Amino acid sequence: MLSWMIRLGLLVISFVSLWFYPAKALQKYFPVSLFTSGLALIMCSLSFRYRFWMVSGSIFKRLVNDLTFVFGPFFAGTLWIFHLTFGKFWRYAGVNAMMNVVLSFLLNPLFQRYNVYKFVNFNAAYLFLTYMGYALVLYPYQLLIRDRKEKA
């Protein structure tokens, strides 16, 4: 029951935060946030095959768990990080590193303790490196989007 409350809380907090998000920034950073969600969904798909993590219960529960993270904190977090840091790469990299440390080394053990998920063939360092890799792909992607819009 607590794991469901955690999932719901992550989703609700993420979407409530977007009420305060500027509409113009949403239009500007929505594509990169959607791309982030796609990358995270690919990772979730790979986790089925390679057993990166497990969620107790049915396949439905696992799907809900993955979608909660993908379209909750990762989607909203990407929007906020780009809104607050885009144009200053080192600030962007630093904020991403801090957020990934918090997720990988502080929140991850709590999520595992409260049975939100359990790592099987994955660990906190892999999680950190994976999401830092995403961050390094997302920034040039947003630069490309910006440059294309400026040319149009």
Foldseek 3Di string as FASTA:
>chain_A
DVLVVVLVVQQVVQVVVCVVPDPVLCVLQVVLLVVQLVVLVVVLVVCVVVVQKFAPDDPVLSVSLSCSCSNGCSSSVSSVLCVVCQPPVVSSLVVQLVVLCCVLPPVVVVSVVVRNMGGDNHHSVNSSVVSSVSSVVSNVVSVVVVVVVVVD
